Amino acid sequence: MVSATGSMAISLSDMLSSSDGVVLASAGSKANEYDMAGLSSASINTVHVSKMITEYTLASKRRIRVLRNGAAVNFLLGSCPDQTMDLVFCETAEGCKRLVENNLEKHVIHEVGNVARQRIAREWLELVQ
């Protein structure tokens, strides 16, 4: 099962009722698609099958394999760190806000500009420090 919602998509209760042998892979932008803490605590056994695959065995004896411990497989090579994606998403949100608030022409490329980018970067730095 591949999930790419960008938010918690698969809860512990979803995993507890999944089929034996299900394989979970995240293709979202962050490592938050699955309740990994819940899965880890609900497991009676954990086996690192390989560097990229961990198998969790539940009390029901169902096995769940998770790729990259829930981290996005599409960023396997680290081509785009979460921090970079945070900034990209903020700029996208800023652009959407400007489109709506200013009734800008659709189907045209609009830039948010350096002032907005600098504000986004400052605010992000304040959050992560």
C-alpha atoms as a PDB file:
ATOM      1  CA  MET A   1       0.000   0.000   0.000  1.00  0.00           C
ATOM      2  CA  VAL A   2       1.458   3.342  -1.023  1.00  0.00           C
ATOM      3  CA  SER A   3       0.281   6.505   0.665  1.00  0.00           C
ATOM      4  CA  ALA A   4       1.072  10.034  -0.483  1.00  0.00           C
ATOM      5  CA  THR A   5      -1.258  12.371   1.353  1.00  0.00           C
ATOM      6  CA  GLY A   6       1.330  14.507   3.149  1.00  0.00           C
ATOM      7  CA  SER A   7      -0.420  13.843   6.453  1.00  0.00           C
ATOM      8  CA  MET A   8      -1.357  10.949   8.715  1.00  0.00           C
ATOM      9  CA  ALA A   9      -3.135   8.635   6.277  1.00  0.00           C
ATOM     10  CA  ILE A  10      -2.928   5.219   7.919  1.00  0.00           C
ATOM     11  CA  SER A  11      -3.796   5.004  11.609  1.00  0.00           C
ATOM     12  CA  LEU A  12      -2.852   2.246  13.995  1.00  0.00           C
ATOM     13  CA  SER A  13      -6.397   0.855  13.806  1.00  0.00           C
ATOM     14  CA  ASP A  14      -6.065   0.697  10.003  1.00  0.00           C
ATOM     15  CA  MET A  15      -2.798  -1.210  10.371  1.00  0.00           C
ATOM     16  CA  LEU A  16      -4.233  -3.569  12.997  1.00  0.00           C
ATOM     17  CA  SER A  17      -6.980  -4.575  10.550  1.00  0.00           C
ATOM     18  CA  SER A  18      -4.721  -4.858   7.493  1.00  0.00           C
ATOM     19  CA  SER A  19      -3.995  -8.097   5.678  1.00  0.00           C
ATOM     20  CA  ASP A  20      -1.084 -10.244   6.758  1.00  0.00           C
ATOM     21  CA  GLY A  21       2.036  -9.357   4.824  1.00  0.00           C
ATOM     22  CA  VAL A  22       0.921  -5.878   3.757  1.00  0.00           C
ATOM     23  CA  VAL A  23       3.790  -3.629   2.687  1.00  0.00           C
ATOM     24  CA  LEU A  24       3.544   0.069   3.513  1.00  0.00           C
ATOM     25  CA  ALA A  25       5.447   2.660   1.516  1.00  0.00           C
ATOM     26  CA  SER A  26       5.204   6.417   1.843  1.00  0.00           C
ATOM     27  CA  ALA A  27       5.503   8.535  -1.259  1.00  0.00           C
ATOM     28  CA  GLY A  28       4.504  11.737   0.472  1.00  0.00           C
ATOM     29  CA  SER A  29       6.680  14.676   1.255  1.00  0.00           C
ATOM     30  CA  LYS A  30       7.276  13.853   4.910  1.00  0.00           C
ATOM     31  CA  ALA A  31       7.628  10.827   7.149  1.00  0.00           C
ATOM     32  CA  ASN A  32       4.159  11.164   8.640  1.00  0.00           C
ATOM     33  CA  GLU A  33       1.896   8.947   6.525  1.00  0.00           C
ATOM     34  CA  TYR A  34       1.739   6.111   9.081  1.00  0.00           C
ATOM     35  CA  ASP A  35       1.380   5.916  12.853  1.00  0.00           C
ATOM     36  CA  MET A  36       4.821   4.407  13.287  1.00  0.00           C
ATOM     37  CA  ALA A  37       4.932   5.014  17.054  1.00  0.00           C
ATOM     38  CA  GLY A  38       1.621   3.193  17.436  1.00  0.00           C
ATOM     39  CA  LEU A  39       2.757   0.341  15.204  1.00  0.00           C
ATOM     40  CA  SER A  40       5.998  -0.023  17.117  1.00  0.00           C
ATOM     41  CA  SER A  41       4.225  -0.134  20.475  1.00  0.00           C
ATOM     42  CA  ALA A  42       1.578  -2.580  19.197  1.00  0.00           C
ATOM     43  CA  SER A  43       4.177  -4.973  17.814  1.00  0.00           C
ATOM     44  CA  ILE A  44       5.205  -8.109  19.651  1.00  0.00           C
ATOM     45  CA  ASN A  45       8.252  -8.554  17.422  1.00  0.00           C
ATOM     46  CA  THR A  46      10.270  -6.334  15.101  1.00  0.00           C
ATOM     47  CA  VAL A  47      12.726  -7.661  12.532  1.00  0.00           C
ATOM     48  CA  HIS A  48      14.961  -5.574  10.284  1.00  0.00           C
ATOM     49  CA  VAL A  49      14.596  -7.617   7.109  1.00  0.00           C
ATOM     50  CA  SER A  50      17.045  -5.374   5.255  1.00  0.00           C
ATOM     51  CA  LYS A  51      18.437  -1.878   5.462  1.00  0.00           C
ATOM     52  CA  MET A  52      15.195  -0.516   3.991  1.00  0.00           C
ATOM     53  CA  ILE A  53      12.547  -2.972   5.245  1.00  0.00           C
ATOM     54  CA  THR A  54      11.313  -3.523   8.792  1.00  0.00           C
ATOM     55  CA  GLU A  55       8.753  -6.189   9.603  1.00  0.00           C
ATOM     56  CA  TYR A  56       6.427  -5.700  12.557  1.00  0.00           C
ATOM     57  CA  THR A  57       4.496  -8.671  13.945  1.00  0.00           C
ATOM     58  CA  LEU A  58       1.253  -7.884  15.742  1.00  0.00           C
ATOM     59  CA  ALA A  59      -0.396  -9.873  18.537  1.00  0.00           C
ATOM     60  CA  SER A  60      -2.782 -11.248  15.882  1.00  0.00           C
ATOM     61  CA  LYS A  61       0.335 -12.716  14.186  1.00  0.00           C
ATOM     62  CA  ARG A  62      -0.239 -10.455  11.176  1.00  0.00           C
ATOM     63  CA  ARG A  63       2.967  -9.073   9.750  1.00  0.00           C
ATOM     64  CA  ILE A  64       3.356  -5.560   8.410  1.00  0.00           C
ATOM     65  CA  ARG A  65       6.414  -4.591   6.409  1.00  0.00           C
ATOM     66  CA  VAL A  66       7.314  -0.929   6.282  1.00  0.00           C
ATOM     67  CA  LEU A  67       9.739   0.539   3.771  1.00  0.00           C
ATOM     68  CA  ARG A  68      12.289   3.043   5.105  1.00  0.00           C
ATOM     69  CA  ASN A  69      10.596   3.024   8.526  1.00  0.00           C
ATOM     70  CA  GLY A  70       7.811   5.214   7.114  1.00  0.00           C
ATOM     71  CA  ALA A  71      10.052   7.808   5.457  1.00  0.00           C
ATOM     72  CA  ALA A  72       9.192   8.705   1.877  1.00  0.00           C
ATOM     73  CA  VAL A  73      10.602   6.265  -0.651  1.00  0.00           C
ATOM     74  CA  ASN A  74      10.517   8.900  -3.360  1.00  0.00           C
ATOM     75  CA  PHE A  75      13.254  10.782  -1.488  1.00  0.00           C
ATOM     76  CA  LEU A  76      15.411   7.730  -0.940  1.00  0.00           C
ATOM     77  CA  LEU A  77      18.507   9.452  -2.264  1.00  0.00           C
ATOM     78  CA  GLY A  78      17.913  12.543  -0.177  1.00  0.00           C
ATOM     79  CA  SER A  79      17.387  14.709  -3.208  1.00  0.00           C
ATOM     80  CA  CYS A  80      14.939  16.959  -1.413  1.00  0.00           C
ATOM     81  CA  PRO A  81      15.105  17.218   2.396  1.00  0.00           C
ATOM     82  CA  ASP A  82      11.982  17.871   4.469  1.00  0.00           C
ATOM     83  CA  GLN A  83      13.255  21.341   5.332  1.00  0.00           C
ATOM     84  CA  THR A  84      13.358  22.291   1.659  1.00  0.00           C
ATOM     85  CA  MET A  85       9.865  20.935   1.095  1.00  0.00           C
ATOM     86  CA  ASP A  86       8.607  22.990   4.073  1.00  0.00           C
ATOM     87  CA  LEU A  87       9.773  26.129   2.292  1.00  0.00           C
ATOM     88  CA  VAL A  88       8.331  25.017  -1.056  1.00  0.00           C
ATOM     89  CA  PHE A  89       4.939  24.332   0.536  1.00  0.00           C
ATOM     90  CA  CYS A  90       4.976  27.693   2.332  1.00  0.00           C
ATOM     91  CA  GLU A  91       5.699  29.510  -0.901  1.00  0.00           C
ATOM     92  CA  THR A  92       2.939  27.555  -2.651  1.00  0.00           C
ATOM     93  CA  ALA A  93       0.491  28.486   0.113  1.00  0.00           C
ATOM     94  CA  GLU A  94       1.539  32.124  -0.141  1.00  0.00           C
ATOM     95  CA  GLY A  95       0.924  32.031  -3.885  1.00  0.00           C
ATOM     96  CA  CYS A  96      -2.538  30.507  -3.422  1.00  0.00           C
ATOM     97  CA  LYS A  97      -3.381  33.145  -0.824  1.00  0.00           C
ATOM     98  CA  ARG A  98      -2.343  35.920  -3.226  1.00  0.00           C
ATOM     99  CA  LEU A  99      -4.376  34.398  -6.075  1.00  0.00           C
ATOM    100  CA  VAL A 100      -7.514  34.397  -3.956  1.00  0.00           C
ATOM    101  CA  GLU A 101      -7.049  37.703  -2.121  1.00  0.00           C
ATOM    102  CA  ASN A 102      -6.027  39.681  -5.214  1.00  0.00           C
ATOM    103  CA  ASN A 103      -8.247  37.938  -7.761  1.00  0.00           C
ATOM    104  CA  LEU A 104      -5.207  37.374  -9.962  1.00  0.00           C
ATOM    105  CA  GLU A 105      -5.546  36.035 -13.470  1.00  0.00           C
ATOM    106  CA  LYS A 106      -5.668  32.249 -13.586  1.00  0.00           C
ATOM    107  CA  HIS A 107      -3.565  30.055 -15.874  1.00  0.00           C
ATOM    108  CA  VAL A 108      -0.721  32.542 -15.701  1.00  0.00           C
ATOM    109  CA  ILE A 109       2.530  32.232 -13.766  1.00  0.00           C
ATOM    110  CA  HIS A 110       2.725  34.661 -10.838  1.00  0.00           C
ATOM    111  CA  GLU A 111       5.721  34.965  -8.519  1.00  0.00           C
ATOM    112  CA  VAL A 112       5.456  35.679  -4.817  1.00  0.00           C
ATOM    113  CA  GLY A 113       8.660  37.718  -4.983  1.00  0.00           C
ATOM    114  CA  ASN A 114      11.752  38.010  -2.834  1.00  0.00           C
ATOM    115  CA  VAL A 115      10.101  39.972  -0.013  1.00  0.00           C
ATOM    116  CA  ALA A 116       7.629  37.137   0.597  1.00  0.00           C
ATOM    117  CA  ARG A 117      10.362  34.507   0.238  1.00  0.00           C
ATOM    118  CA  GLN A 118      12.532  36.293   2.801  1.00  0.00           C
ATOM    119  CA  ARG A 119       9.582  36.537   5.226  1.00  0.00           C
ATOM    120  CA  ILE A 120       8.842  32.820   4.772  1.00  0.00           C
ATOM    121  CA  ALA A 121      12.500  31.958   5.376  1.00  0.00           C
ATOM    122  CA  ARG A 122      12.673  34.145   8.518  1.00  0.00           C
ATOM    123  CA  GLU A 123       9.478  32.628   9.942  1.00  0.00           C
ATOM    124  CA  TRP A 124      10.676  29.096   9.152  1.00  0.00           C
ATOM    125  CA  LEU A 125      14.020  29.738  10.853  1.00  0.00           C
ATOM    126  CA  GLU A 126      12.210  31.004  13.961  1.00  0.00           C
ATOM    127  CA  LEU A 127      10.162  27.790  14.079  1.00  0.00           C
ATOM    128  CA  VAL A 128      13.102  25.404  13.787  1.00  0.00           C
ATOM    129  CA  GLN A 129      15.449  27.114  16.229  1.00  0.00           C
END
